[in-house]
N, C-alpha and C. Protein backbone atom coordinates (compact mmCIF):
# COMPACT_ATOMS: atom_id res chain seq x y z
N UNK A 1 -6.78 15.76 10.37
CA UNK A 1 -5.66 14.85 10.34
C UNK A 1 -4.50 15.55 11.04
N UNK A 2 -3.95 14.96 12.06
CA UNK A 2 -2.86 15.55 12.82
C UNK A 2 -1.56 14.84 12.48
N UNK A 3 -0.53 15.63 12.26
CA UNK A 3 0.79 15.07 12.00
C UNK A 3 1.57 15.08 13.30
N UNK A 4 2.09 13.95 13.68
CA UNK A 4 2.85 13.81 14.91
C UNK A 4 4.32 13.65 14.56
N UNK A 5 4.97 14.77 14.25
CA UNK A 5 6.36 14.73 13.79
C UNK A 5 7.31 14.25 14.87
N UNK A 6 6.96 14.44 16.12
CA UNK A 6 7.88 14.03 17.17
C UNK A 6 7.94 12.52 17.33
N UNK A 7 6.84 11.84 17.02
CA UNK A 7 6.83 10.38 17.13
C UNK A 7 7.54 9.73 15.96
N UNK A 8 7.12 10.06 14.79
CA UNK A 8 7.72 9.51 13.58
C UNK A 8 7.43 10.48 12.44
N UNK A 9 8.44 11.08 11.84
CA UNK A 9 8.20 12.09 10.82
C UNK A 9 7.61 11.52 9.53
N UNK A 10 7.51 10.21 9.40
CA UNK A 10 7.00 9.61 8.19
C UNK A 10 5.62 8.99 8.36
N UNK A 11 4.98 9.24 9.49
CA UNK A 11 3.65 8.70 9.71
C UNK A 11 2.66 9.82 9.96
N UNK A 12 1.47 9.64 9.43
CA UNK A 12 0.38 10.57 9.65
C UNK A 12 -0.69 9.81 10.41
N UNK A 13 -1.28 10.45 11.39
CA UNK A 13 -2.33 9.79 12.17
C UNK A 13 -3.65 10.47 11.87
N UNK A 14 -4.67 9.68 11.61
CA UNK A 14 -6.01 10.17 11.34
C UNK A 14 -6.98 9.29 12.11
N UNK A 15 -7.65 9.87 13.10
CA UNK A 15 -8.63 9.13 13.90
C UNK A 15 -8.04 7.84 14.46
N UNK A 16 -6.82 7.93 14.96
CA UNK A 16 -6.19 6.77 15.59
C UNK A 16 -5.53 5.80 14.63
N UNK A 17 -5.73 5.98 13.32
CA UNK A 17 -5.08 5.10 12.34
C UNK A 17 -3.81 5.78 11.86
N UNK A 18 -2.76 5.00 11.66
CA UNK A 18 -1.50 5.57 11.20
C UNK A 18 -1.25 5.16 9.76
N UNK A 19 -0.76 6.10 8.99
CA UNK A 19 -0.45 5.88 7.59
C UNK A 19 0.98 6.34 7.33
N UNK A 20 1.64 5.67 6.42
CA UNK A 20 2.99 6.04 6.03
C UNK A 20 2.88 7.18 5.03
N UNK A 21 3.52 8.29 5.27
CA UNK A 21 3.53 9.42 4.35
C UNK A 21 4.87 9.42 3.62
N UNK A 22 4.82 9.42 2.30
CA UNK A 22 6.05 9.40 1.52
C UNK A 22 5.99 10.48 0.45
N UNK A 23 7.12 10.81 -0.12
CA UNK A 23 7.18 11.82 -1.17
C UNK A 23 6.83 11.21 -2.52
N UNK A 24 6.56 12.06 -3.48
CA UNK A 24 6.26 11.61 -4.84
C UNK A 24 7.48 10.88 -5.42
N UNK A 25 8.68 11.42 -5.17
CA UNK A 25 9.89 10.77 -5.68
C UNK A 25 10.05 9.36 -5.10
N UNK A 26 9.81 9.22 -3.81
CA UNK A 26 9.91 7.91 -3.17
C UNK A 26 8.85 6.97 -3.74
N UNK A 27 7.66 7.50 -4.00
CA UNK A 27 6.59 6.69 -4.59
C UNK A 27 7.02 6.15 -5.95
N UNK A 28 7.66 6.98 -6.75
CA UNK A 28 8.11 6.54 -8.06
C UNK A 28 9.22 5.49 -7.94
N UNK A 29 10.09 5.65 -6.97
CA UNK A 29 11.15 4.66 -6.74
C UNK A 29 10.55 3.32 -6.35
N UNK A 30 9.56 3.35 -5.45
CA UNK A 30 8.90 2.10 -5.04
C UNK A 30 8.22 1.45 -6.23
N UNK A 31 7.58 2.24 -7.07
CA UNK A 31 6.92 1.69 -8.26
C UNK A 31 7.93 1.08 -9.22
N UNK A 32 9.07 1.73 -9.39
CA UNK A 32 10.12 1.17 -10.25
C UNK A 32 10.67 -0.13 -9.68
N UNK A 33 10.84 -0.17 -8.37
CA UNK A 33 11.27 -1.42 -7.72
C UNK A 33 10.22 -2.51 -7.93
N UNK A 34 8.95 -2.13 -7.83
CA UNK A 34 7.87 -3.10 -8.04
C UNK A 34 7.88 -3.62 -9.47
N UNK A 35 8.09 -2.72 -10.42
CA UNK A 35 8.14 -3.14 -11.82
C UNK A 35 9.28 -4.13 -12.04
N UNK A 36 10.45 -3.81 -11.49
CA UNK A 36 11.60 -4.71 -11.63
C UNK A 36 11.30 -6.06 -10.98
N UNK A 37 10.66 -6.04 -9.82
CA UNK A 37 10.34 -7.29 -9.13
C UNK A 37 9.34 -8.10 -9.95
N UNK A 38 8.31 -7.44 -10.47
CA UNK A 38 7.27 -8.13 -11.24
C UNK A 38 7.88 -8.80 -12.47
N UNK A 39 8.67 -8.05 -13.24
CA UNK A 39 9.22 -8.65 -14.46
C UNK A 39 10.27 -9.70 -14.15
N UNK A 40 10.78 -9.71 -12.94
CA UNK A 40 11.72 -10.75 -12.52
C UNK A 40 11.06 -12.03 -12.06
N UNK A 41 9.74 -12.03 -11.97
CA UNK A 41 8.98 -13.22 -11.56
C UNK A 41 8.49 -13.94 -12.82
N UNK A 42 9.03 -15.12 -13.08
CA UNK A 42 8.70 -15.83 -14.31
C UNK A 42 7.21 -16.06 -14.50
N UNK A 43 6.49 -16.33 -13.43
CA UNK A 43 5.06 -16.59 -13.56
C UNK A 43 4.22 -15.31 -13.58
N UNK A 44 4.75 -14.23 -13.06
CA UNK A 44 3.98 -12.99 -12.93
C UNK A 44 4.20 -12.03 -14.09
N UNK A 45 5.38 -12.03 -14.67
CA UNK A 45 5.71 -11.09 -15.75
C UNK A 45 4.73 -11.18 -16.91
N UNK A 46 4.41 -12.37 -17.42
CA UNK A 46 3.47 -12.42 -18.54
C UNK A 46 2.06 -11.95 -18.16
N UNK A 47 1.67 -12.17 -16.92
CA UNK A 47 0.36 -11.71 -16.46
C UNK A 47 0.34 -10.18 -16.46
N UNK A 48 1.40 -9.58 -15.95
CA UNK A 48 1.48 -8.12 -15.93
C UNK A 48 1.49 -7.55 -17.34
N UNK A 49 2.31 -8.13 -18.21
CA UNK A 49 2.38 -7.63 -19.58
C UNK A 49 1.02 -7.73 -20.27
N UNK A 50 0.32 -8.82 -20.05
CA UNK A 50 -1.02 -8.96 -20.63
C UNK A 50 -2.00 -7.97 -20.06
N UNK A 51 -1.95 -7.75 -18.76
CA UNK A 51 -2.88 -6.82 -18.11
C UNK A 51 -2.59 -5.37 -18.47
N UNK A 52 -1.32 -5.03 -18.63
CA UNK A 52 -0.95 -3.64 -18.90
C UNK A 52 -1.00 -3.31 -20.39
N UNK A 53 -0.92 -4.33 -21.22
CA UNK A 53 -0.88 -4.09 -22.66
C UNK A 53 0.50 -3.64 -23.14
N UNK A 54 1.47 -3.63 -22.26
CA UNK A 54 2.82 -3.21 -22.62
C UNK A 54 3.62 -4.41 -23.10
N UNK A 55 4.52 -4.15 -24.02
CA UNK A 55 5.46 -5.19 -24.44
C UNK A 55 6.73 -5.04 -23.60
N UNK A 56 7.56 -6.06 -23.62
CA UNK A 56 8.82 -5.97 -22.88
C UNK A 56 9.66 -4.80 -23.37
N UNK A 57 9.60 -4.54 -24.67
CA UNK A 57 10.38 -3.44 -25.23
C UNK A 57 9.88 -2.08 -24.77
N UNK A 58 8.60 -1.98 -24.47
CA UNK A 58 8.01 -0.71 -24.04
C UNK A 58 8.25 -0.39 -22.56
N UNK A 59 8.58 -1.38 -21.77
CA UNK A 59 8.69 -1.17 -20.33
C UNK A 59 9.66 -0.06 -19.95
N UNK A 60 10.80 -0.02 -20.59
CA UNK A 60 11.79 1.01 -20.24
C UNK A 60 11.25 2.40 -20.55
N UNK A 61 10.62 2.56 -21.67
CA UNK A 61 10.06 3.86 -22.06
C UNK A 61 8.92 4.26 -21.13
N UNK A 62 8.01 3.33 -20.91
CA UNK A 62 6.82 3.64 -20.10
C UNK A 62 7.14 3.78 -18.61
N UNK A 63 8.28 3.29 -18.18
CA UNK A 63 8.62 3.38 -16.76
C UNK A 63 8.90 4.82 -16.32
N UNK A 64 9.03 5.74 -17.25
CA UNK A 64 9.22 7.15 -16.91
C UNK A 64 7.87 7.88 -16.75
N UNK A 65 6.77 7.19 -17.05
CA UNK A 65 5.44 7.79 -16.99
C UNK A 65 4.80 7.53 -15.63
N UNK A 66 4.52 8.57 -14.85
CA UNK A 66 3.91 8.37 -13.53
C UNK A 66 2.58 7.61 -13.57
N UNK A 67 1.81 7.78 -14.64
CA UNK A 67 0.55 7.04 -14.75
C UNK A 67 0.80 5.55 -14.94
N UNK A 68 1.83 5.20 -15.69
CA UNK A 68 2.18 3.79 -15.85
C UNK A 68 2.68 3.22 -14.53
N UNK A 69 3.48 3.99 -13.81
CA UNK A 69 3.97 3.54 -12.50
C UNK A 69 2.80 3.32 -11.54
N UNK A 70 1.79 4.17 -11.63
CA UNK A 70 0.59 3.97 -10.80
C UNK A 70 -0.08 2.65 -11.18
N UNK A 71 -0.12 2.34 -12.47
CA UNK A 71 -0.72 1.08 -12.92
C UNK A 71 0.09 -0.12 -12.43
N UNK A 72 1.41 0.04 -12.34
CA UNK A 72 2.26 -1.03 -11.80
C UNK A 72 1.85 -1.33 -10.37
N UNK A 73 1.69 -0.28 -9.57
CA UNK A 73 1.30 -0.48 -8.17
C UNK A 73 -0.13 -0.99 -8.06
N UNK A 74 -1.02 -0.52 -8.93
CA UNK A 74 -2.39 -1.05 -8.93
C UNK A 74 -2.37 -2.56 -9.16
N UNK A 75 -1.53 -2.99 -10.09
CA UNK A 75 -1.41 -4.42 -10.37
C UNK A 75 -0.85 -5.16 -9.17
N UNK A 76 0.22 -4.65 -8.60
CA UNK A 76 0.88 -5.32 -7.47
C UNK A 76 -0.07 -5.52 -6.30
N UNK A 77 -0.83 -4.50 -5.96
CA UNK A 77 -1.68 -4.59 -4.76
C UNK A 77 -2.95 -5.40 -4.98
N UNK A 78 -3.13 -5.95 -6.16
CA UNK A 78 -4.29 -6.82 -6.40
C UNK A 78 -4.20 -8.14 -5.63
N UNK A 79 -3.00 -8.53 -5.23
CA UNK A 79 -2.83 -9.81 -4.57
C UNK A 79 -1.90 -9.64 -3.36
N UNK A 80 -2.40 -10.01 -2.19
CA UNK A 80 -1.60 -9.87 -0.98
C UNK A 80 -0.28 -10.64 -1.06
N UNK A 81 -0.30 -11.80 -1.71
CA UNK A 81 0.94 -12.59 -1.81
C UNK A 81 1.98 -11.85 -2.63
N UNK A 82 1.55 -11.11 -3.64
CA UNK A 82 2.50 -10.33 -4.44
C UNK A 82 3.08 -9.20 -3.60
N UNK A 83 2.24 -8.54 -2.82
CA UNK A 83 2.71 -7.45 -1.95
C UNK A 83 3.73 -7.99 -0.96
N UNK A 84 3.42 -9.10 -0.34
CA UNK A 84 4.33 -9.70 0.64
C UNK A 84 5.64 -10.09 -0.04
N UNK A 85 5.57 -10.73 -1.19
CA UNK A 85 6.78 -11.15 -1.90
C UNK A 85 7.65 -9.97 -2.28
N UNK A 86 7.01 -8.92 -2.82
CA UNK A 86 7.75 -7.71 -3.19
C UNK A 86 8.38 -7.04 -1.98
N UNK A 87 7.58 -6.82 -0.96
CA UNK A 87 8.07 -6.11 0.23
C UNK A 87 9.16 -6.90 0.95
N UNK A 88 9.01 -8.21 1.03
CA UNK A 88 10.06 -9.02 1.65
C UNK A 88 11.35 -8.93 0.84
N UNK A 89 11.24 -8.98 -0.48
CA UNK A 89 12.43 -8.93 -1.33
C UNK A 89 13.11 -7.57 -1.24
N UNK A 90 12.33 -6.50 -1.11
CA UNK A 90 12.88 -5.15 -1.07
C UNK A 90 13.12 -4.63 0.35
N UNK A 91 12.73 -5.46 1.33
CA UNK A 91 12.84 -5.05 2.74
C UNK A 91 12.07 -3.76 2.99
N UNK A 92 10.83 -3.76 2.53
CA UNK A 92 9.93 -2.62 2.71
C UNK A 92 8.76 -3.04 3.57
N UNK A 93 8.15 -2.08 4.23
CA UNK A 93 6.94 -2.35 5.01
C UNK A 93 5.81 -2.71 4.06
N UNK A 94 4.92 -3.58 4.50
CA UNK A 94 3.81 -4.02 3.65
C UNK A 94 2.86 -2.89 3.28
N UNK A 95 2.90 -1.80 4.00
CA UNK A 95 2.03 -0.66 3.70
C UNK A 95 2.62 0.28 2.65
N UNK A 96 3.88 0.13 2.32
CA UNK A 96 4.52 1.07 1.41
C UNK A 96 3.97 1.07 -0.01
N UNK A 97 3.63 -0.07 -0.61
CA UNK A 97 3.07 0.01 -1.96
C UNK A 97 1.78 0.85 -2.03
N UNK A 98 0.90 0.71 -1.05
CA UNK A 98 -0.34 1.51 -1.06
C UNK A 98 -0.04 2.98 -0.76
N UNK A 99 0.91 3.24 0.12
CA UNK A 99 1.29 4.63 0.39
C UNK A 99 1.87 5.26 -0.87
N UNK A 100 2.67 4.50 -1.59
CA UNK A 100 3.24 5.00 -2.85
C UNK A 100 2.14 5.22 -3.88
N UNK A 101 1.20 4.30 -3.94
CA UNK A 101 0.11 4.44 -4.92
C UNK A 101 -0.68 5.71 -4.68
N UNK A 102 -0.87 6.06 -3.43
CA UNK A 102 -1.64 7.26 -3.09
C UNK A 102 -0.96 8.54 -3.58
N UNK A 103 0.35 8.48 -3.79
CA UNK A 103 1.10 9.67 -4.21
C UNK A 103 1.20 9.82 -5.72
N UNK A 104 0.75 8.83 -6.47
CA UNK A 104 0.84 8.87 -7.92
C UNK A 104 -0.51 9.24 -8.52
N UNK A 105 -0.53 9.62 -9.81
CA UNK A 105 -1.79 10.06 -10.43
C UNK A 105 -2.92 9.06 -10.22
N UNK A 106 -4.08 9.58 -9.83
CA UNK A 106 -5.25 8.75 -9.61
C UNK A 106 -5.31 8.13 -8.24
N UNK A 107 -4.33 8.40 -7.40
CA UNK A 107 -4.27 7.79 -6.09
C UNK A 107 -4.91 8.59 -4.97
N UNK A 108 -5.45 9.75 -5.31
CA UNK A 108 -6.06 10.56 -4.27
C UNK A 108 -7.31 9.87 -3.74
N UNK A 109 -7.66 10.22 -2.53
CA UNK A 109 -8.81 9.60 -1.86
C UNK A 109 -10.08 9.90 -2.65
N UNK A 110 -10.93 8.90 -2.76
CA UNK A 110 -12.20 9.05 -3.48
C UNK A 110 -13.24 9.57 -2.49
N UNK A 111 -13.91 10.62 -2.88
CA UNK A 111 -14.99 11.18 -2.05
C UNK A 111 -16.30 10.98 -2.83
N UNK A 112 -17.16 10.16 -2.29
CA UNK A 112 -18.38 9.78 -2.99
C UNK A 112 -19.52 10.78 -2.81
N UNK A 113 -19.34 11.76 -1.96
CA UNK A 113 -20.43 12.74 -1.76
C UNK A 113 -20.09 14.06 -2.36
């Protein structure tokens, strides 16, 4: 994997494919933004709460847990329309939620061999 810092310091190129490289702190910020966006969607908030098992009262406490933030992004990226809605609202690139997810616990690349 070659890093081309002169072209764009935030992109990594691997075999001709480009990926957004972000820090762990930025990943957590994106996840927090995603959580705020999700709970702000009247039709999506109850689905997320049911899927996560969290109550509304627990969200503030659990939002400090990187594993919970990873689960927020896992939920968001389940539906392309949710990703588009979130990214458009936050003015983020559509690839940022997955880049953020990769930086949180459990997001490392899976090697099957």
